[in-house]
Protein backbone atom coordinates (compact mmCIF):
# COMPACT_ATOMS: atom_id res chain seq x y z
CA MET A 1 20.92 18.97 -15.37
CA VAL A 2 18.33 21.33 -16.82
CA LYS A 3 15.72 18.55 -16.83
CA THR A 4 16.26 17.92 -13.14
CA LEU A 5 15.80 21.61 -12.37
CA ASN A 6 12.67 21.78 -14.53
CA ARG A 7 11.22 18.67 -12.94
CA SER A 8 11.99 20.07 -9.51
CA SER A 9 10.37 23.41 -10.30
CA GLN A 10 7.32 21.65 -11.76
CA MET A 11 7.07 19.59 -8.59
CA LYS A 12 7.33 22.76 -6.50
CA GLU A 13 4.51 24.40 -8.52
CA PHE A 14 2.37 21.28 -8.18
CA SER A 15 3.01 21.15 -4.46
CA LYS A 16 1.86 24.74 -4.00
CA THR A 17 -1.50 23.91 -5.56
CA ASP A 18 -2.08 20.64 -3.71
CA VAL A 19 -3.19 20.77 -0.08
CA ARG A 20 -1.74 17.32 0.55
CA PHE A 21 1.80 18.61 0.03
CA LYS A 22 1.11 21.43 2.48
CA LYS A 23 0.04 18.87 5.09
CA ILE A 24 3.24 16.89 4.51
CA LEU A 25 5.28 20.08 4.85
CA ALA A 26 3.53 20.89 8.14
CA ILE A 27 4.46 17.46 9.59
CA ILE A 28 8.04 17.80 8.39
CA ALA A 29 8.27 21.25 9.98
CA LYS A 30 6.65 20.04 13.20
CA ASN A 31 9.30 17.32 13.40
CA GLN A 32 12.06 19.83 12.56
CA LYS A 33 13.11 17.82 9.47
CA ARG A 34 14.54 15.09 11.72
CA PRO A 35 15.50 12.04 9.62
CA ASP A 36 14.26 9.70 12.37
CA THR A 37 10.69 10.84 11.57
CA LEU A 38 10.87 9.68 7.93
CA ILE A 39 8.58 6.67 8.44
CA GLU A 40 5.97 8.84 10.15
CA VAL A 41 6.11 11.35 7.30
CA LEU A 42 5.83 8.58 4.70
CA HIS A 43 2.81 7.07 6.50
CA ILE A 44 1.06 10.43 6.46
CA ALA A 45 1.96 10.97 2.80
CA GLN A 46 0.60 7.55 1.90
CA ASP A 47 -2.59 8.18 3.86
CA LEU A 48 -3.04 11.44 1.92
CA PHE A 49 -2.28 10.05 -1.54
CA GLY A 50 -3.33 6.41 -1.11
CA TYR A 51 0.16 5.35 -2.18
CA LEU A 52 3.62 6.91 -2.58
CA PRO A 53 4.12 8.22 -6.11
CA LEU A 54 7.70 9.02 -7.14
CA GLN A 55 6.87 12.73 -7.02
CA VAL A 56 5.96 12.44 -3.32
CA ILE A 57 9.15 10.49 -2.56
CA GLN A 58 11.20 13.21 -4.27
CA PHE A 59 9.30 15.92 -2.41
CA VAL A 60 9.84 14.27 0.99
CA SER A 61 13.49 13.67 0.16
CA LYS A 62 14.07 17.29 -0.78
CA GLU A 63 12.14 18.79 2.13
CA MET A 64 13.78 16.53 4.73
CA SER A 65 17.25 16.80 3.16
CA ILE A 66 17.53 13.01 2.86
CA ASP A 67 19.06 11.34 -0.18
CA PRO A 68 16.27 10.10 -2.50
CA SER A 69 17.78 6.61 -2.61
CA GLN A 70 17.50 6.38 1.19
CA VAL A 71 13.83 7.40 1.12
CA PHE A 72 13.16 4.96 -1.72
CA GLY A 73 15.01 2.25 0.22
CA VAL A 74 12.73 2.76 3.24
CA VAL A 75 9.63 2.74 1.03
CA THR A 76 10.61 -0.50 -0.69
CA PHE A 77 11.84 -2.22 2.48
CA TYR A 78 8.59 -2.01 4.46
CA ASN A 79 5.61 -3.84 3.00
CA PHE A 80 3.09 -1.35 4.34
CA PHE A 81 4.30 1.26 1.84
CA THR A 82 3.21 0.99 -1.77
CA LEU A 83 4.40 2.65 -4.96
CA LYS A 84 1.21 1.77 -6.85
CA PRO A 85 -2.32 2.99 -6.23
CA LYS A 86 -4.35 0.55 -4.17
CA GLY A 87 -7.96 -0.24 -4.76
CA LYS A 88 -10.85 1.21 -2.78
CA HIS A 89 -10.67 -2.06 -0.84
CA ASN A 90 -7.42 -3.87 -0.12
CA CYS A 91 -6.80 -7.55 0.39
CA LEU A 92 -3.44 -8.64 1.79
CA VAL A 93 -2.75 -12.37 1.84
CA CYS A 94 -0.11 -13.52 4.31
CA THR A 95 2.40 -15.89 2.69
CA GLY A 96 4.48 -16.60 5.78
CA THR A 97 5.36 -20.24 6.49
CA ALA A 98 2.31 -21.09 8.61
CA CYS A 99 -0.10 -19.40 6.21
CA TYR A 100 1.60 -20.85 3.16
CA VAL A 101 1.45 -24.41 4.52
CA LYS A 102 -2.25 -23.94 5.33
CA GLY A 103 -3.27 -22.65 1.90
CA ALA A 104 -2.19 -19.04 1.28
CA GLN A 105 -1.31 -19.81 -2.34
CA ALA A 106 -4.76 -21.32 -2.95
CA ILE A 107 -6.34 -18.16 -1.50
CA THR A 108 -4.24 -15.91 -3.74
CA ASP A 109 -5.01 -18.10 -6.76
CA GLN A 110 -8.76 -17.99 -6.04
CA ILE A 111 -8.79 -14.19 -5.71
CA SER A 112 -6.68 -13.87 -8.86
CA LYS A 113 -9.08 -16.10 -10.79
CA ASP A 114 -12.32 -14.54 -9.54
CA PHE A 115 -11.25 -10.88 -9.74
CA ALA A 116 -8.86 -11.11 -12.73
CA ILE A 117 -5.88 -9.62 -10.88
CA LYS A 118 -2.52 -10.85 -9.72
CA ALA A 119 -0.74 -10.01 -6.47
CA GLY A 120 0.43 -6.40 -6.62
CA GLN A 121 -2.39 -5.35 -8.95
CA THR A 122 -5.70 -3.54 -8.67
CA THR A 123 -8.89 -4.39 -10.53
CA LYS A 124 -9.62 -2.26 -13.60
CA ASP A 125 -12.44 -0.50 -11.74
CA ASN A 126 -10.03 0.23 -8.83
CA LYS A 127 -12.37 -1.44 -6.36
CA LEU A 128 -9.99 -4.16 -5.15
CA GLY A 129 -6.24 -4.34 -4.72
CA LEU A 130 -4.46 -7.63 -3.99
CA GLN A 131 -1.15 -7.77 -2.14
CA THR A 132 0.88 -10.44 -0.44
CA ALA A 133 3.18 -10.11 2.56
CA ARG A 134 5.90 -12.41 3.85
CA CYS A 135 4.37 -12.49 7.33
CA ILE A 136 1.80 -10.43 9.19
CA GLY A 137 2.55 -12.00 12.57
CA ALA A 138 -0.76 -13.83 12.92
CA CYS A 139 0.54 -17.39 12.59
CA SER A 140 -2.02 -18.88 14.99
CA LEU A 141 -4.76 -17.58 12.65
CA ALA A 142 -3.29 -19.20 9.52
CA PRO A 143 -4.11 -18.86 6.78
CA ALA A 144 -4.69 -15.17 7.43
CA VAL A 145 -5.88 -12.39 5.16
CA VAL A 146 -6.09 -8.71 6.01
CA PHE A 147 -9.06 -7.08 4.30
CA ASP A 148 -9.34 -3.31 4.73
CA ASN A 149 -7.25 -3.52 7.93
CA GLU A 150 -9.39 -6.32 9.40
CA ILE A 151 -7.68 -9.67 10.00
CA LEU A 152 -9.64 -12.63 8.67
CA ALA A 153 -8.62 -15.89 10.37
CA LYS A 154 -8.44 -19.45 9.06
CA VAL A 155 -9.61 -18.37 5.64
CA ASN A 156 -11.00 -21.02 3.32
CA PRO A 157 -10.01 -20.50 -0.34
CA ALA A 158 -13.48 -21.67 -1.47
CA GLU A 159 -15.14 -18.94 0.61
CA ILE A 160 -12.77 -15.99 0.04
CA THR A 161 -14.63 -14.55 -2.97
CA ASN A 162 -17.94 -14.41 -1.09
CA MET A 163 -16.17 -12.92 1.93
CA ILE A 164 -14.64 -10.18 -0.23
CA ASN A 165 -17.89 -9.47 -2.07
CA THR A 166 -19.80 -9.28 1.21
CA LYS A 167 -17.26 -6.90 2.73
CA MET A 168 -17.32 -4.75 -0.41
CA GLY A 169 -21.10 -4.63 -0.21
CA ALA A 170 -21.55 -6.50 -3.49
CA LYS A 171 -23.94 -9.30 -4.32
CA LYS A 172 -22.59 -12.72 -3.32
CA SER A 173 -20.73 -14.62 -5.99
CA GLU A 174 -22.17 -17.82 -7.41
CA SER A 175 -18.86 -19.73 -7.05
């Protein structure tokens, strides 16, 4: 029990020194701690931190008077929330049925090979994060990839590395 209190007080001290926590508190207060605004609060928190560290989940839970397991459940249910830091650039490969049938796995494999990361990871230099999603709702564009919030349609696995390098502003790959 003492550890929980110490962790909580450490979190409170940390939150007083970090402007991002103050911004989260302001949104929570604006929404009068209503539980139906949890997703909005989590979106803002993720925008501020780049992901949702456990400390932020605990903070939101405490400030909104929502059980931590419920907040964690929301975070892990929706694929737009992440518990791990993303890269400076993010690549999300759709693995829904239409995209899968048209080559989503080959796209993921090519990115994994060329950038030495697996789905759910970020490159060592934190420049690129690779995620997969069950469906992004762009079936007519299959196979689809979302790169830095831009949907790329009918992606060719052989061209994905050059597309990523171009969008990141890097020199084209010799693949």
